């Protein structure tokens, strides 16, 4: 992996996002400048990001309280 530090303007980032991200994925680091002033750094991630498990949707739905009311009738009354 190469570790090059490059500069890019906001306009470059807007017009060449895909190309810049490809270079970052290959190890390059970009300093983003706004009117000549550095405002951000875009660099490859180091290490593994923590992953969060999504809640079990089906289990959530099963645990909802049972409603004895006819929801279709409620919608009809609400719409009239």
N, C-alpha and C. Protein backbone atom coordinates (compact mmCIF):
# COMPACT_ATOMS: atom_id res chain seq x y z
N UNK A 1 0.84 -1.19 0.00
CA UNK A 1 0.00 0.00 0.00
C UNK A 1 0.88 1.24 0.00
N UNK A 2 0.56 2.19 -0.85
CA UNK A 2 1.33 3.43 -0.86
C UNK A 2 0.68 4.45 0.06
N UNK A 3 1.50 5.28 0.69
CA UNK A 3 0.98 6.28 1.61
C UNK A 3 1.35 7.67 1.09
N UNK A 4 0.63 8.11 0.09
CA UNK A 4 0.89 9.41 -0.50
C UNK A 4 -0.08 10.44 0.08
N UNK A 5 0.42 11.64 0.30
CA UNK A 5 -0.42 12.72 0.80
C UNK A 5 -0.60 13.72 -0.35
N UNK A 6 -1.84 13.94 -0.73
CA UNK A 6 -2.14 14.82 -1.84
C UNK A 6 -3.12 15.90 -1.40
N UNK A 7 -3.24 16.91 -2.24
CA UNK A 7 -4.20 17.98 -1.98
C UNK A 7 -5.33 17.89 -3.00
N UNK A 8 -6.53 18.26 -2.56
CA UNK A 8 -7.68 18.35 -3.45
C UNK A 8 -8.55 19.49 -2.96
N UNK A 9 -9.09 20.23 -3.91
CA UNK A 9 -10.00 21.31 -3.54
C UNK A 9 -11.40 20.74 -3.38
N UNK A 10 -12.29 21.53 -2.79
CA UNK A 10 -13.68 21.10 -2.69
C UNK A 10 -14.26 20.80 -4.07
N UNK A 11 -13.87 21.63 -5.05
CA UNK A 11 -14.35 21.40 -6.42
C UNK A 11 -13.85 20.06 -6.95
N UNK A 12 -12.55 19.76 -6.72
CA UNK A 12 -12.02 18.46 -7.14
C UNK A 12 -12.81 17.32 -6.49
N UNK A 13 -13.06 17.46 -5.20
CA UNK A 13 -13.80 16.42 -4.48
C UNK A 13 -15.19 16.25 -5.06
N UNK A 14 -15.83 17.34 -5.41
CA UNK A 14 -17.17 17.30 -5.99
C UNK A 14 -17.15 16.64 -7.37
N UNK A 15 -16.19 17.02 -8.20
CA UNK A 15 -16.17 16.54 -9.58
C UNK A 15 -15.52 15.16 -9.75
N UNK A 16 -14.62 14.80 -8.85
CA UNK A 16 -13.85 13.56 -9.01
C UNK A 16 -13.95 12.65 -7.79
N UNK A 17 -15.10 12.63 -7.15
CA UNK A 17 -15.27 11.86 -5.91
C UNK A 17 -14.86 10.41 -6.08
N UNK A 18 -15.36 9.77 -7.12
CA UNK A 18 -15.08 8.35 -7.33
C UNK A 18 -13.58 8.09 -7.47
N UNK A 19 -12.90 8.89 -8.26
CA UNK A 19 -11.47 8.72 -8.48
C UNK A 19 -10.70 8.94 -7.18
N UNK A 20 -11.06 9.97 -6.44
CA UNK A 20 -10.37 10.26 -5.18
C UNK A 20 -10.57 9.12 -4.18
N UNK A 21 -11.79 8.61 -4.09
CA UNK A 21 -12.07 7.50 -3.16
C UNK A 21 -11.29 6.25 -3.57
N UNK A 22 -11.17 5.99 -4.87
CA UNK A 22 -10.37 4.84 -5.33
C UNK A 22 -8.92 4.99 -4.89
N UNK A 23 -8.38 6.20 -5.02
CA UNK A 23 -7.00 6.42 -4.60
C UNK A 23 -6.84 6.27 -3.10
N UNK A 24 -7.82 6.74 -2.33
CA UNK A 24 -7.78 6.58 -0.88
C UNK A 24 -7.83 5.10 -0.51
N UNK A 25 -8.67 4.35 -1.21
CA UNK A 25 -8.76 2.91 -0.95
C UNK A 25 -7.43 2.21 -1.22
N UNK A 26 -6.62 2.79 -2.11
CA UNK A 26 -5.30 2.24 -2.42
C UNK A 26 -4.20 2.81 -1.54
N UNK A 27 -4.56 3.59 -0.51
CA UNK A 27 -3.59 4.04 0.46
C UNK A 27 -3.26 5.52 0.45
N UNK A 28 -3.77 6.27 -0.51
CA UNK A 28 -3.46 7.71 -0.58
C UNK A 28 -4.24 8.47 0.50
N UNK A 29 -3.69 9.59 0.91
CA UNK A 29 -4.34 10.50 1.85
C UNK A 29 -4.51 11.84 1.15
N UNK A 30 -5.68 12.42 1.26
CA UNK A 30 -5.95 13.71 0.65
C UNK A 30 -6.25 14.75 1.71
N UNK A 31 -5.66 15.93 1.56
CA UNK A 31 -6.02 17.08 2.37
C UNK A 31 -6.98 17.89 1.51
N UNK A 32 -8.18 18.10 2.01
CA UNK A 32 -9.20 18.84 1.27
C UNK A 32 -9.08 20.31 1.65
N UNK A 33 -9.00 21.14 0.64
CA UNK A 33 -8.84 22.57 0.87
C UNK A 33 -10.05 23.35 0.38
N UNK A 34 -10.39 24.37 1.13
CA UNK A 34 -11.46 25.30 0.74
C UNK A 34 -10.81 26.67 0.62
N UNK A 35 -10.75 27.16 -0.60
CA UNK A 35 -10.10 28.45 -0.89
C UNK A 35 -8.68 28.51 -0.35
N UNK A 36 -7.96 27.40 -0.54
CA UNK A 36 -6.55 27.35 -0.15
C UNK A 36 -6.29 27.01 1.30
N UNK A 37 -7.33 26.87 2.10
CA UNK A 37 -7.17 26.55 3.52
C UNK A 37 -7.57 25.10 3.76
N UNK A 38 -6.69 24.30 4.35
CA UNK A 38 -7.05 22.91 4.65
C UNK A 38 -8.23 22.84 5.62
N UNK A 39 -9.23 22.02 5.27
CA UNK A 39 -10.41 21.90 6.13
C UNK A 39 -10.70 20.46 6.54
N UNK A 40 -10.13 19.50 5.83
CA UNK A 40 -10.41 18.10 6.16
C UNK A 40 -9.31 17.22 5.59
N UNK A 41 -9.28 16.00 6.12
CA UNK A 41 -8.34 15.00 5.61
C UNK A 41 -9.15 13.74 5.28
N UNK A 42 -8.91 13.20 4.12
CA UNK A 42 -9.57 11.97 3.69
C UNK A 42 -8.49 10.91 3.59
N UNK A 43 -8.60 9.85 4.42
CA UNK A 43 -7.56 8.84 4.47
C UNK A 43 -8.19 7.46 4.64
N UNK A 44 -7.42 6.41 4.35
CA UNK A 44 -7.96 5.06 4.51
C UNK A 44 -8.25 4.76 5.97
N UNK A 45 -9.24 3.92 6.20
CA UNK A 45 -9.54 3.48 7.55
C UNK A 45 -8.46 2.52 8.03
N UNK A 46 -8.13 2.60 9.29
CA UNK A 46 -7.18 1.65 9.87
C UNK A 46 -7.93 0.79 10.86
N UNK A 47 -7.67 -0.47 10.83
CA UNK A 47 -8.35 -1.38 11.73
C UNK A 47 -9.77 -1.68 11.28
N UNK A 48 -10.42 -2.49 12.04
CA UNK A 48 -11.79 -2.92 11.73
C UNK A 48 -12.78 -2.06 12.49
N UNK A 49 -13.78 -1.59 11.79
CA UNK A 49 -14.84 -0.83 12.46
C UNK A 49 -15.72 -1.78 13.28
N UNK A 50 -16.18 -1.33 14.43
CA UNK A 50 -17.09 -2.18 15.19
C UNK A 50 -18.41 -2.34 14.44
N UNK A 51 -18.93 -3.54 14.45
CA UNK A 51 -20.20 -3.78 13.77
C UNK A 51 -21.29 -3.95 14.80
N UNK A 52 -22.44 -3.39 14.51
CA UNK A 52 -23.59 -3.53 15.40
C UNK A 52 -24.59 -4.45 14.74
N UNK A 53 -25.12 -5.34 15.50
CA UNK A 53 -26.14 -6.23 15.00
C UNK A 53 -27.47 -5.49 14.93
N UNK A 54 -28.16 -5.68 13.86
CA UNK A 54 -29.50 -5.12 13.74
C UNK A 54 -30.44 -5.95 14.61
N UNK A 55 -31.41 -5.30 15.24
CA UNK A 55 -32.35 -6.07 16.05
C UNK A 55 -33.16 -7.02 15.19
N UNK A 56 -33.60 -8.11 15.78
CA UNK A 56 -34.41 -9.10 15.07
C UNK A 56 -35.82 -8.53 14.89
N UNK A 57 -36.14 -8.13 13.68
CA UNK A 57 -37.41 -7.48 13.38
C UNK A 57 -38.60 -8.40 13.67
N UNK A 58 -38.47 -9.64 13.29
CA UNK A 58 -39.58 -10.59 13.50
C UNK A 58 -39.84 -10.80 14.98
N UNK A 59 -38.79 -10.91 15.78
CA UNK A 59 -38.97 -11.08 17.22
C UNK A 59 -39.61 -9.83 17.82
N UNK A 60 -39.22 -8.66 17.34
CA UNK A 60 -39.82 -7.42 17.81
C UNK A 60 -41.32 -7.41 17.52
N UNK A 61 -41.69 -7.77 16.32
CA UNK A 61 -43.11 -7.79 15.94
C UNK A 61 -43.87 -8.81 16.77
N UNK A 62 -43.28 -9.98 17.00
CA UNK A 62 -43.94 -11.01 17.81
C UNK A 62 -44.19 -10.53 19.23
N UNK A 63 -43.31 -9.67 19.75
CA UNK A 63 -43.43 -9.20 21.13
C UNK A 63 -44.35 -8.00 21.29
N UNK A 64 -44.86 -7.47 20.19
CA UNK A 64 -45.82 -6.37 20.30
C UNK A 64 -47.13 -6.89 20.90
N UNK A 65 -47.82 -6.06 21.67
CA UNK A 65 -49.08 -6.52 22.26
C UNK A 65 -50.13 -6.76 21.18
N UNK A 66 -50.94 -7.78 21.39
CA UNK A 66 -52.02 -8.09 20.45
C UNK A 66 -53.15 -7.08 20.63
N UNK A 67 -53.66 -6.58 19.53
CA UNK A 67 -54.75 -5.61 19.56
C UNK A 67 -56.01 -6.33 19.08
N UNK A 68 -57.08 -6.18 19.82
CA UNK A 68 -58.33 -6.88 19.49
C UNK A 68 -59.18 -6.08 18.50
N UNK A 69 -58.78 -4.83 18.21
CA UNK A 69 -59.57 -3.96 17.36
C UNK A 69 -59.29 -4.27 15.89
N UNK A 70 -60.31 -4.11 15.05
CA UNK A 70 -60.17 -4.31 13.61
C UNK A 70 -59.54 -3.05 13.02
N UNK A 71 -58.30 -3.15 12.59
CA UNK A 71 -57.59 -1.97 12.08
C UNK A 71 -58.21 -1.46 10.78
N UNK A 72 -58.78 -2.35 9.98
CA UNK A 72 -59.45 -1.92 8.75
C UNK A 72 -60.62 -1.01 9.04
N UNK A 73 -61.40 -1.36 10.05
CA UNK A 73 -62.54 -0.54 10.44
C UNK A 73 -62.07 0.81 10.99
N UNK A 74 -60.99 0.80 11.76
CA UNK A 74 -60.46 2.04 12.29
C UNK A 74 -60.05 2.96 11.15
N UNK A 75 -59.40 2.40 10.12
CA UNK A 75 -58.99 3.23 8.98
C UNK A 75 -60.19 3.80 8.25
N UNK A 76 -61.22 2.97 8.07
CA UNK A 76 -62.43 3.46 7.39
C UNK A 76 -63.04 4.62 8.17
N UNK A 77 -63.15 4.48 9.49
CA UNK A 77 -63.72 5.55 10.30
C UNK A 77 -62.86 6.79 10.25
N UNK A 78 -61.57 6.62 10.23
CA UNK A 78 -60.67 7.76 10.20
C UNK A 78 -60.75 8.51 8.89
N UNK A 79 -60.95 7.79 7.79
CA UNK A 79 -61.00 8.40 6.46
C UNK A 79 -62.34 9.06 6.16
N UNK A 80 -63.38 8.70 6.87
CA UNK A 80 -64.71 9.27 6.57
C UNK A 80 -65.01 10.49 7.38
